[in-house]
Amino acid sequence: MLDRLREWERRTRPADPAFAAALAHRWAELPDVVKTPGQVLGRFGVGCEGTHGVFPACDLACTPCYHSRDAKRVRVDGAHTREQVERQMATLLRLRGPRAHAQLIGGEVTLLPPDDHAESLLIMRRHGREPMSMTHGDVDDDYLDRLVLGPDGRRRLDRVSFAGHFDSLMFGRRGIPRPPDETSLHPYRRQFVARFARLRRVHGVRSFLAHNMTVTPANVGQVADVVREVGAMGFGMLSFQPAAFVGDDRRWREEYRGGDVSADAVWAQIERGAGTRLDHRVFENGDVRCNRTAYGFSVGPRWYPVLDGADPRDLRVRDEVFRRLSGIGFAATPRPLLAVKLARLVARHPRILAVALGWAVRTVRRVGLRPLLRHGARPVTFVMHRFMDAVDVAPAWELTQQGIVSDDPRLRETQERLAACHYAMAHPETGTLVPACVQHSVLDPKENAVLTVLLPMPTARRRDPR
């Protein structure tokens, strides 16, 4: 009995010691340039993670495409996926600690048989990861049913997270193989959200949905409309990626570098669609030259930030969150356990209640009680993520591996951004982590060339002429 009480006391401590240690290590390894008051890495999370080399193939064609030339020549193999996910998650657990968000990503995740897809998600969760499946969104109800239900018909996944990538630069989607513009894709975006609403209604499976969109000069002028329309569909996150010269150079059709797809220009389009200024310095995820994030919520047609960066009182709330709530691991902690952790935290630091109450009162005043009661509040996060060009990443990474800081301003900036990368991938064979831009620019081509031999696409048999 005494041992049970000790175990309960340990499990309900507000901060997980292993997670707190991982956060401290993450903060220590960050370059000074990103150690800002709003930096999330090392204070609240260790960053995002992703898989690689687990299912490179995709059944759509995109311009641009961040996969290497050989990606579509690798067959999807469930056993290979499960084995690689297991090994990569074990490495992430060892190097990044017990809690993180991780993306099940490669080519198109729904090319995986549903059983292998589900087992991969469960493997990730067993390693303390909160998984998100990355898809082009061309999926049907039958696949999702077979994903969340086991062969015995019983529910095996209580919740799922999916990121659906929709933009007019993607070719081959069922029903609209060559979309003329972003507006033409709105019915498909709504259909995607409706499928997960059905999962909740029919099977009781909760979901979190993100919307991804690549931005080039061809569609940057449509970003604001996408924000307005898609923001009301039920997605919890809207993410935009200005195109970079990464991956298959056969699909580089435009001059991606220009004022109209710069970070400031794309963010301005997002703000225009949101109908308000989006302060991306309140919370920072790595280097703001790579990532801009605005956390908030929608009440009816209007969006509000969770914290107002112009209000010193809200910034003190942020500082209190970093000071007191760090190390808890909200996403991966079961709700009953989380409630006990928070109760113990409040008992130890009762000032937290006063801080939380002050924030709640200010927020209700900003939004208005009547709109809140009428519409409720729905969390919506805006994100912009800028990949870097391979021509910069390759030499910058080589210098970093040699311990050399470049004298060239462009390469030095690239090195700084890589050092602060929010998005890492694991290499069990070397026991190391690499930034995603390095994976796509430097390592994917070699990796996929090997996989074409290990997992070649099946070839059609020639008909016997006799």
Protein backbone atom coordinates (compact mmCIF):
# COMPACT_ATOMS: atom_id res chain seq x y z
CA MET A 1 0.00 0.00 0.00
CA LEU A 2 2.81 2.37 0.88
CA ASP A 3 4.49 1.66 -2.46
CA ARG A 4 1.24 2.51 -4.27
CA LEU A 5 0.98 5.82 -2.44
CA ARG A 6 4.56 6.67 -3.33
CA GLU A 7 3.93 5.84 -6.97
CA TRP A 8 0.74 7.93 -6.99
CA GLU A 9 2.61 10.85 -5.41
CA ARG A 10 5.33 10.58 -8.05
CA ARG A 11 2.92 10.36 -10.99
CA THR A 12 0.86 13.34 -9.83
CA ARG A 13 3.75 15.72 -9.29
CA PRO A 14 3.03 18.82 -11.39
CA ALA A 15 6.33 18.64 -13.27
CA ASP A 16 7.65 15.39 -14.71
CA PRO A 17 11.34 15.38 -13.68
CA ALA A 18 12.41 13.71 -16.94
CA PHE A 19 10.46 16.22 -19.02
CA ALA A 20 11.79 19.14 -16.97
CA ALA A 21 15.34 17.88 -17.57
CA ALA A 22 14.66 17.58 -21.31
CA LEU A 23 13.39 21.17 -21.37
CA ALA A 24 16.48 22.43 -19.55
CA HIS A 25 18.73 20.61 -22.01
CA ARG A 26 16.77 22.02 -24.96
CA TRP A 27 17.12 25.57 -23.64
CA ALA A 28 20.85 25.16 -23.05
CA GLU A 29 21.50 24.04 -26.62
CA LEU A 30 19.57 26.92 -28.25
CA PRO A 31 21.62 29.72 -29.84
CA ASP A 32 21.48 32.99 -27.93
CA VAL A 33 19.74 34.75 -30.81
CA VAL A 34 16.48 32.89 -30.05
CA LYS A 35 16.58 33.03 -26.25
CA THR A 36 13.86 35.66 -26.16
CA PRO A 37 11.14 36.31 -23.54
CA GLY A 38 8.57 34.57 -25.75
CA GLN A 39 10.63 31.50 -26.64
CA VAL A 40 8.61 28.30 -26.13
CA LEU A 41 11.44 25.84 -26.79
CA GLY A 42 13.10 24.81 -23.57
CA ARG A 43 10.38 26.44 -21.48
CA PHE A 44 7.15 24.72 -22.44
CA GLY A 45 8.08 22.20 -25.12
CA VAL A 46 11.05 20.61 -26.83
CA GLY A 47 9.69 21.21 -30.34
CA CYS A 48 7.99 19.17 -33.01
CA GLU A 49 9.28 15.90 -34.47
CA GLY A 50 8.71 13.95 -37.66
CA THR A 51 9.36 10.58 -39.23
CA HIS A 52 11.38 10.06 -42.41
CA GLY A 53 11.94 7.20 -44.82
CA VAL A 54 8.86 5.36 -43.58
CA PHE A 55 6.58 5.70 -46.65
CA PRO A 56 8.06 8.14 -49.20
CA ALA A 57 5.53 7.48 -51.97
CA CYS A 58 2.60 9.77 -52.76
CA ASP A 59 -0.26 9.47 -55.25
CA LEU A 60 -0.63 13.20 -56.01
CA ALA A 61 1.69 15.47 -57.97
CA CYS A 62 2.52 18.87 -56.53
CA THR A 63 4.38 21.92 -57.76
CA PRO A 64 6.56 22.30 -55.80
CA CYS A 65 7.20 18.86 -54.28
CA TYR A 66 9.50 18.63 -51.26
CA HIS A 67 10.15 14.91 -51.81
CA SER A 68 13.26 13.82 -53.66
CA ARG A 69 13.15 12.46 -57.20
CA ASP A 70 13.18 8.83 -56.07
CA ALA A 71 10.40 9.12 -53.48
CA LYS A 72 7.67 7.76 -55.74
CA ARG A 73 9.80 4.79 -56.70
CA VAL A 74 9.62 3.38 -53.15
CA ARG A 75 6.69 1.11 -52.38
CA VAL A 76 4.68 1.55 -49.21
CA ASP A 77 5.38 -1.37 -46.88
CA GLY A 78 3.61 -1.58 -43.52
CA ALA A 79 6.23 -3.74 -41.81
CA HIS A 80 9.00 -1.34 -42.84
CA THR A 81 6.97 1.62 -41.57
CA ARG A 82 6.26 0.07 -38.18
CA GLU A 83 9.87 -0.96 -37.68
CA GLN A 84 11.26 2.45 -38.64
CA VAL A 85 8.71 4.34 -36.54
CA GLU A 86 9.63 2.18 -33.54
CA ARG A 87 13.34 2.84 -33.96
CA GLN A 88 12.96 6.57 -34.63
CA MET A 89 10.60 7.11 -31.69
CA ALA A 90 12.97 5.26 -29.35
CA THR A 91 15.76 7.61 -30.44
CA LEU A 92 13.56 10.66 -29.95
CA LEU A 93 12.53 9.45 -26.50
CA ARG A 94 16.17 9.04 -25.53
CA LEU A 95 17.38 12.35 -26.98
CA ARG A 96 14.36 14.64 -26.61
CA GLY A 97 12.70 13.35 -23.47
CA PRO A 98 9.32 11.80 -22.66
CA ARG A 99 6.91 14.35 -24.19
CA ALA A 100 6.60 15.87 -27.67
CA HIS A 101 4.35 16.33 -30.67
CA ALA A 102 5.41 14.15 -33.59
CA GLN A 103 4.25 13.95 -37.19
CA LEU A 104 3.72 10.65 -38.97
CA ILE A 105 4.96 11.97 -42.27
CA GLY A 106 6.66 10.77 -45.42
CA GLY A 107 4.71 10.62 -48.65
CA GLU A 108 0.96 10.07 -48.28
CA VAL A 109 0.02 8.48 -44.96
CA THR A 110 -3.28 7.02 -46.20
CA LEU A 111 -1.39 4.79 -48.63
CA LEU A 112 -0.52 2.81 -45.51
CA PRO A 113 -2.95 -0.03 -44.77
CA PRO A 114 -5.19 1.17 -41.93
CA ASP A 115 -3.89 -1.46 -39.49
CA ASP A 116 -0.28 -0.39 -40.07
CA HIS A 117 -1.25 3.28 -39.82
CA ALA A 118 -3.04 2.68 -36.51
CA GLU A 119 -0.18 0.62 -35.08
CA SER A 120 2.30 3.35 -36.06
CA LEU A 121 0.24 5.90 -34.12
CA LEU A 122 0.08 3.60 -31.11
CA ILE A 123 3.86 3.07 -31.26
CA MET A 124 4.34 6.84 -31.20
CA ARG A 125 2.06 7.19 -28.19
CA ARG A 126 3.85 4.41 -26.34
CA HIS A 127 6.97 6.54 -26.68
CA GLY A 128 5.26 9.61 -25.19
CA ARG A 129 4.57 11.26 -28.54
CA GLU A 130 1.31 12.96 -29.54
CA PRO A 131 1.09 11.91 -33.20
CA MET A 132 -0.34 13.80 -36.16
CA SER A 133 -0.91 12.07 -39.50
CA MET A 134 0.04 14.16 -42.53
CA THR A 135 -2.24 13.69 -45.57
CA HIS A 136 -3.30 15.36 -48.79
CA GLY A 137 -6.86 14.90 -47.55
CA ASP A 138 -8.09 12.69 -50.38
CA VAL A 139 -9.43 10.06 -48.00
CA ASP A 140 -12.80 8.38 -47.54
CA ASP A 141 -14.93 7.31 -44.58
CA ASP A 142 -14.17 3.61 -45.00
CA TYR A 143 -10.44 4.18 -44.53
CA LEU A 144 -10.99 6.30 -41.40
CA ASP A 145 -13.37 3.69 -39.96
CA ARG A 146 -10.79 0.94 -40.47
CA LEU A 147 -8.14 3.19 -38.95
CA VAL A 148 -9.92 3.90 -35.65
CA LEU A 149 -11.58 0.47 -35.32
CA GLY A 150 -9.68 -2.78 -34.93
CA PRO A 151 -10.40 -5.98 -36.88
CA ASP A 152 -12.83 -6.94 -34.10
CA GLY A 153 -14.85 -3.75 -34.72
CA ARG A 154 -13.91 -2.25 -31.37
CA ARG A 155 -12.45 1.24 -31.10
CA ARG A 156 -8.65 1.23 -30.84
CA LEU A 157 -8.03 4.98 -31.18
CA ASP A 158 -9.93 7.40 -28.93
CA ARG A 159 -8.56 10.47 -30.68
CA VAL A 160 -6.68 11.29 -33.88
CA SER A 161 -4.85 14.30 -35.23
CA PHE A 162 -4.64 14.93 -38.96
CA ALA A 163 -3.06 17.68 -41.02
CA GLY A 164 -4.73 17.99 -44.41
CA HIS A 165 -2.69 19.70 -47.13
CA PHE A 166 -4.92 21.49 -49.63
CA ASP A 167 -3.80 23.96 -52.28
CA SER A 168 -4.24 24.60 -55.99
CA LEU A 169 -0.65 23.50 -56.69
CA MET A 170 -1.59 19.85 -56.03
CA PHE A 171 -2.62 17.75 -59.01
CA GLY A 172 -4.50 14.45 -59.13
CA ARG A 173 -7.08 14.91 -56.39
CA ARG A 174 -10.25 12.88 -56.96
CA GLY A 175 -13.03 15.03 -58.37
CA ILE A 176 -10.74 17.97 -59.13
CA PRO A 177 -7.43 16.79 -60.62
CA ARG A 178 -6.32 20.31 -61.64
CA PRO A 179 -7.89 22.91 -59.34
CA PRO A 180 -8.09 26.33 -61.05
CA ASP A 181 -7.87 28.28 -57.77
CA GLU A 182 -8.13 27.94 -54.01
CA THR A 183 -11.86 28.67 -53.91
CA SER A 184 -12.55 25.55 -55.97
CA LEU A 185 -11.04 23.45 -53.16
CA HIS A 186 -13.33 24.76 -50.42
CA PRO A 187 -15.89 21.93 -50.88
CA TYR A 188 -13.10 19.37 -50.48
CA ARG A 189 -11.83 21.10 -47.35
CA ARG A 190 -15.33 21.07 -45.87
CA GLN A 191 -15.75 17.42 -46.79
CA PHE A 192 -12.48 16.60 -45.01
CA VAL A 193 -13.69 18.25 -41.79
CA ALA A 194 -17.10 16.57 -42.12
CA ARG A 195 -15.49 13.13 -42.21
CA PHE A 196 -13.97 13.67 -38.77
CA ALA A 197 -17.20 15.12 -37.41
CA ARG A 198 -18.77 11.86 -38.49
CA LEU A 199 -16.05 9.88 -36.67
CA ARG A 200 -16.97 11.71 -33.46
CA ARG A 201 -20.69 11.24 -34.03
CA VAL A 202 -20.60 7.56 -35.02
CA HIS A 203 -17.61 6.17 -33.15
CA GLY A 204 -16.93 8.71 -30.38
CA VAL A 205 -13.42 9.43 -31.73
CA ARG A 206 -12.20 12.96 -31.02
CA SER A 207 -9.98 14.76 -33.52
CA PHE A 208 -7.74 17.75 -34.03
CA LEU A 209 -7.40 19.01 -37.60
CA ALA A 210 -4.78 21.27 -39.13
CA HIS A 211 -4.89 22.81 -42.61
CA ASN A 212 -1.64 23.18 -44.57
CA MET A 213 -1.12 25.24 -47.72
CA THR A 214 1.96 25.90 -49.85
CA VAL A 215 2.24 29.52 -51.00
CA THR A 216 3.77 30.68 -54.29
CA PRO A 217 3.26 33.78 -56.44
CA ALA A 218 0.44 31.84 -58.12
CA ASN A 219 -1.77 31.69 -55.02
CA VAL A 220 -0.41 34.19 -52.49
CA GLY A 221 -3.19 36.63 -53.37
CA GLN A 222 -5.75 34.00 -52.34
CA VAL A 223 -4.35 33.38 -48.85
CA ALA A 224 -6.63 35.92 -47.17
CA ASP A 225 -9.72 34.29 -48.64
CA VAL A 226 -8.50 30.86 -47.51
CA VAL A 227 -8.06 32.19 -43.97
CA ARG A 228 -11.55 33.68 -43.94
CA GLU A 229 -13.30 30.63 -45.37
CA VAL A 230 -11.25 27.77 -43.95
CA GLY A 231 -10.95 29.37 -40.51
CA ALA A 232 -14.68 28.84 -40.04
CA MET A 233 -14.74 25.20 -41.18
CA GLY A 234 -13.51 23.59 -37.98
CA PHE A 235 -9.74 23.36 -38.40
CA GLY A 236 -7.82 24.06 -35.21
CA MET A 237 -4.72 25.26 -37.02
CA LEU A 238 -4.10 27.03 -40.33
CA SER A 239 -0.51 26.66 -41.51
CA PHE A 240 1.07 28.30 -44.53
CA GLN A 241 4.44 27.41 -46.08
CA PRO A 242 6.08 29.81 -48.54
CA ALA A 243 7.62 27.65 -51.27
CA ALA A 244 11.31 26.81 -51.11
CA PHE A 245 13.74 25.24 -53.55
CA VAL A 246 13.77 21.88 -51.80
CA GLY A 247 13.11 18.37 -53.10
CA ASP A 248 12.36 17.48 -56.70
CA ASP A 249 13.77 20.26 -58.88
CA ARG A 250 11.76 18.98 -61.84
CA ARG A 251 8.73 20.53 -60.15
CA TRP A 252 10.15 24.01 -59.69
CA ARG A 253 7.89 25.89 -62.07
CA GLU A 254 8.04 29.45 -60.73
CA GLU A 255 10.33 32.06 -59.30
CA TYR A 256 9.50 31.40 -55.65
CA ARG A 257 11.72 34.12 -54.27
CA GLY A 258 10.14 37.54 -54.45
CA GLY A 259 8.50 40.22 -52.37
CA ASP A 260 5.06 38.70 -52.79
CA VAL A 261 6.03 35.44 -51.03
CA SER A 262 8.40 36.84 -48.42
CA ALA A 263 7.67 36.11 -44.77
CA ASP A 264 6.26 39.59 -44.20
CA ALA A 265 4.11 39.47 -47.31
CA VAL A 266 2.57 36.07 -46.53
CA TRP A 267 1.98 36.98 -42.89
CA ALA A 268 0.28 40.19 -44.00
CA GLN A 269 -2.09 38.11 -46.13
CA ILE A 270 -2.87 35.89 -43.15
CA GLU A 271 -3.56 38.96 -41.03
CA ARG A 272 -5.79 40.36 -43.75
CA GLY A 273 -7.85 37.18 -43.74
CA ALA A 274 -7.99 37.07 -39.95
CA GLY A 275 -9.13 40.68 -39.89
CA THR A 276 -6.66 41.68 -37.21
CA ARG A 277 -2.98 42.03 -36.39
CA LEU A 278 -1.32 38.73 -35.46
CA ASP A 279 1.48 39.26 -32.95
CA HIS A 280 3.97 36.44 -33.54
CA ARG A 281 6.39 37.60 -30.84
CA VAL A 282 4.22 36.75 -27.83
CA PHE A 283 5.09 33.08 -28.26
CA GLU A 284 8.01 32.03 -30.45
CA ASN A 285 8.75 28.51 -31.64
CA GLY A 286 12.41 28.48 -32.53
CA ASP A 287 13.65 31.18 -34.91
CA VAL A 288 11.06 33.69 -36.13
CA ARG A 289 12.85 33.69 -39.49
CA CYS A 290 11.54 30.13 -39.79
CA ASN A 291 8.33 30.13 -37.79
CA ARG A 292 5.61 32.61 -36.92
CA THR A 293 2.77 31.54 -34.66
CA ALA A 294 -0.30 33.29 -33.28
CA TYR A 295 -2.38 31.40 -30.72
CA GLY A 296 -5.95 32.44 -30.21
CA PHE A 297 -9.61 31.63 -30.62
CA SER A 298 -12.57 32.55 -32.78
CA VAL A 299 -15.83 33.88 -31.39
CA GLY A 300 -18.27 33.97 -34.26
CA PRO A 301 -16.56 35.70 -37.20
CA ARG A 302 -13.86 37.39 -35.08
CA TRP A 303 -10.47 36.08 -33.95
CA TYR A 304 -8.81 37.07 -30.66
CA PRO A 305 -5.30 36.33 -29.36
CA VAL A 306 -5.06 34.20 -26.25
CA LEU A 307 -2.68 36.85 -24.90
CA ASP A 308 -2.49 40.48 -26.00
CA GLY A 309 1.16 41.35 -26.65
CA ALA A 310 0.41 45.05 -26.13
CA ASP A 311 -0.86 44.45 -22.58
CA PRO A 312 1.92 44.08 -19.96
CA ARG A 313 -0.48 42.15 -17.74
CA ASP A 314 -0.89 39.48 -20.40
CA LEU A 315 2.86 39.25 -20.88
CA ARG A 316 3.18 38.62 -17.15
CA VAL A 317 0.68 35.78 -17.61
CA ARG A 318 2.97 34.32 -20.27
CA ASP A 319 5.93 34.56 -17.93
CA GLU A 320 3.94 32.87 -15.16
CA VAL A 321 2.98 30.06 -17.54
CA PHE A 322 6.63 29.47 -18.39
CA ARG A 323 7.62 29.63 -14.73
CA ARG A 324 4.90 27.47 -13.18
CA LEU A 325 3.42 25.23 -15.87
CA SER A 326 6.65 24.10 -17.48
CA GLY A 327 7.31 20.39 -17.34
CA ILE A 328 3.72 19.22 -16.99
CA GLY A 329 3.28 17.92 -20.52
CA PHE A 330 -0.34 18.87 -21.18
CA ALA A 331 -0.93 17.10 -24.50
CA ALA A 332 0.18 13.61 -23.49
CA THR A 333 -1.21 13.63 -19.92
CA PRO A 334 -4.61 11.96 -19.37
CA ARG A 335 -7.20 14.47 -18.26
CA PRO A 336 -7.88 13.02 -14.77
CA LEU A 337 -4.14 12.91 -14.05
CA LEU A 338 -3.72 16.43 -15.43
CA ALA A 339 -6.48 17.70 -13.12
CA VAL A 340 -4.68 16.27 -10.07
CA LYS A 341 -1.35 17.74 -11.21
CA LEU A 342 -2.91 21.19 -11.63
CA ALA A 343 -4.66 20.93 -8.25
CA ARG A 344 -1.35 20.15 -6.55
CA LEU A 345 0.28 23.04 -8.41
CA VAL A 346 -2.39 25.50 -7.30
CA ALA A 347 -2.14 24.26 -3.73
CA ARG A 348 1.59 24.99 -3.83
CA HIS A 349 1.28 28.32 -5.69
CA PRO A 350 -2.19 29.79 -5.02
CA ARG A 351 -1.20 33.01 -6.83
CA ILE A 352 -1.80 31.11 -10.07
CA LEU A 353 -5.55 31.35 -9.48
CA ALA A 354 -5.38 35.14 -9.17
CA VAL A 355 -3.31 35.39 -12.36
CA ALA A 356 -5.72 33.10 -14.22
CA LEU A 357 -8.78 34.97 -12.95
CA GLY A 358 -7.32 38.34 -13.98
CA TRP A 359 -6.62 37.00 -17.47
CA ALA A 360 -10.14 35.55 -17.76
CA VAL A 361 -11.78 38.83 -16.73
CA ARG A 362 -9.70 40.84 -19.23
CA THR A 363 -10.42 38.35 -22.01
CA VAL A 364 -14.17 38.42 -21.42
CA ARG A 365 -14.10 42.22 -21.49
CA ARG A 366 -12.19 42.23 -24.80
CA VAL A 367 -14.50 39.75 -26.43
CA GLY A 368 -17.77 40.64 -24.78
CA LEU A 369 -19.93 38.35 -22.66
CA ARG A 370 -22.84 38.34 -25.12
CA PRO A 371 -20.77 37.11 -28.15
CA LEU A 372 -19.15 34.45 -25.94
CA LEU A 373 -22.50 33.15 -24.75
CA ARG A 374 -23.93 33.28 -28.26
CA HIS A 375 -21.05 31.71 -30.22
CA GLY A 376 -18.71 30.12 -27.72
CA ALA A 377 -14.94 30.15 -28.26
CA ARG A 378 -13.15 27.87 -30.72
CA PRO A 379 -9.32 27.61 -30.59
CA VAL A 380 -7.64 28.56 -33.89
CA THR A 381 -3.88 28.89 -34.31
CA PHE A 382 -2.19 30.58 -37.28
CA VAL A 383 1.25 29.35 -38.36
CA MET A 384 3.71 30.20 -41.09
CA HIS A 385 6.70 27.92 -41.60
CA ARG A 386 9.49 28.80 -44.02
CA PHE A 387 11.67 25.98 -45.30
CA MET A 388 15.10 27.00 -46.52
CA ASP A 389 16.56 26.47 -49.99
CA ALA A 390 18.73 23.39 -50.43
CA VAL A 391 21.48 25.48 -52.01
CA ASP A 392 21.95 27.21 -48.63
CA VAL A 393 21.22 24.30 -46.30
CA ALA A 394 23.77 21.86 -47.73
CA PRO A 395 26.90 24.04 -47.27
CA ALA A 396 25.62 25.50 -43.99
CA TRP A 397 25.08 22.04 -42.54
CA GLU A 398 28.51 20.86 -43.71
CA LEU A 399 30.14 23.81 -41.95
CA THR A 400 28.10 23.17 -38.81
CA GLN A 401 29.24 19.55 -38.76
CA GLN A 402 32.82 20.80 -38.91
CA GLY A 403 32.25 23.25 -36.07
CA ILE A 404 32.81 26.25 -38.35
CA VAL A 405 30.70 29.41 -38.28
CA SER A 406 30.48 30.88 -41.77
CA ASP A 407 31.65 34.41 -42.55
CA ASP A 408 29.01 34.64 -45.25
CA PRO A 409 25.91 36.40 -43.79
CA ARG A 410 23.47 34.20 -45.71
CA LEU A 411 25.10 30.94 -44.64
CA ARG A 412 25.53 32.18 -41.06
CA GLU A 413 21.82 32.96 -40.91
CA THR A 414 21.09 29.47 -42.24
CA GLN A 415 23.32 27.95 -39.55
CA GLU A 416 21.55 29.94 -36.84
CA ARG A 417 18.15 28.85 -38.09
CA LEU A 418 19.23 25.21 -38.25
CA ALA A 419 20.60 25.40 -34.69
CA ALA A 420 17.24 26.69 -33.46
CA CYS A 421 15.12 24.33 -35.57
CA HIS A 422 11.72 23.58 -34.09
CA TYR A 423 11.27 20.44 -36.20
CA ALA A 424 13.66 17.50 -35.81
CA MET A 425 14.00 13.99 -37.24
CA ALA A 426 15.81 11.05 -35.66
CA HIS A 427 18.51 8.81 -37.13
CA PRO A 428 18.77 5.67 -34.99
CA GLU A 429 21.75 4.37 -36.95
CA THR A 430 23.87 7.29 -35.76
CA GLY A 431 21.94 8.19 -32.62
CA THR A 432 21.52 11.78 -33.80
CA LEU A 433 18.80 14.31 -34.60
CA VAL A 434 18.75 16.50 -37.70
CA PRO A 435 16.65 19.55 -38.60
CA ALA A 436 13.89 18.88 -41.13
CA CYS A 437 15.48 21.18 -43.71
CA VAL A 438 18.66 19.08 -43.55
CA GLN A 439 16.61 15.91 -43.93
CA HIS A 440 14.84 17.18 -47.04
CA SER A 441 17.79 18.99 -48.62
CA VAL A 442 20.71 16.70 -47.83
CA LEU A 443 19.61 13.28 -46.58
CA ASP A 444 16.35 12.39 -48.36
CA PRO A 445 17.88 11.90 -51.84
CA LYS A 446 20.45 9.38 -50.53
CA GLU A 447 17.91 7.71 -48.27
CA ASN A 448 15.31 7.26 -50.97
CA ALA A 449 17.88 5.93 -53.44
CA VAL A 450 18.63 3.14 -50.96
CA LEU A 451 14.92 2.51 -50.37
CA THR A 452 14.24 2.07 -54.09
CA VAL A 453 16.44 -1.03 -53.86
CA LEU A 454 15.08 -2.22 -50.52
CA LEU A 455 11.43 -1.51 -51.35
CA PRO A 456 11.12 -1.28 -55.15
CA MET A 457 7.77 -0.55 -56.72
CA PRO A 458 6.16 -3.68 -58.16
CA THR A 459 6.40 -3.91 -61.94
CA ALA A 460 3.57 -5.13 -64.12
CA ARG A 461 4.17 -8.53 -65.67
CA ARG A 462 4.35 -8.61 -69.42
CA ARG A 463 1.62 -10.64 -71.04
CA ASP A 464 2.80 -13.98 -72.40
CA PRO A 465 2.52 -13.65 -76.22
CA ARG A 466 1.77 -17.38 -76.66
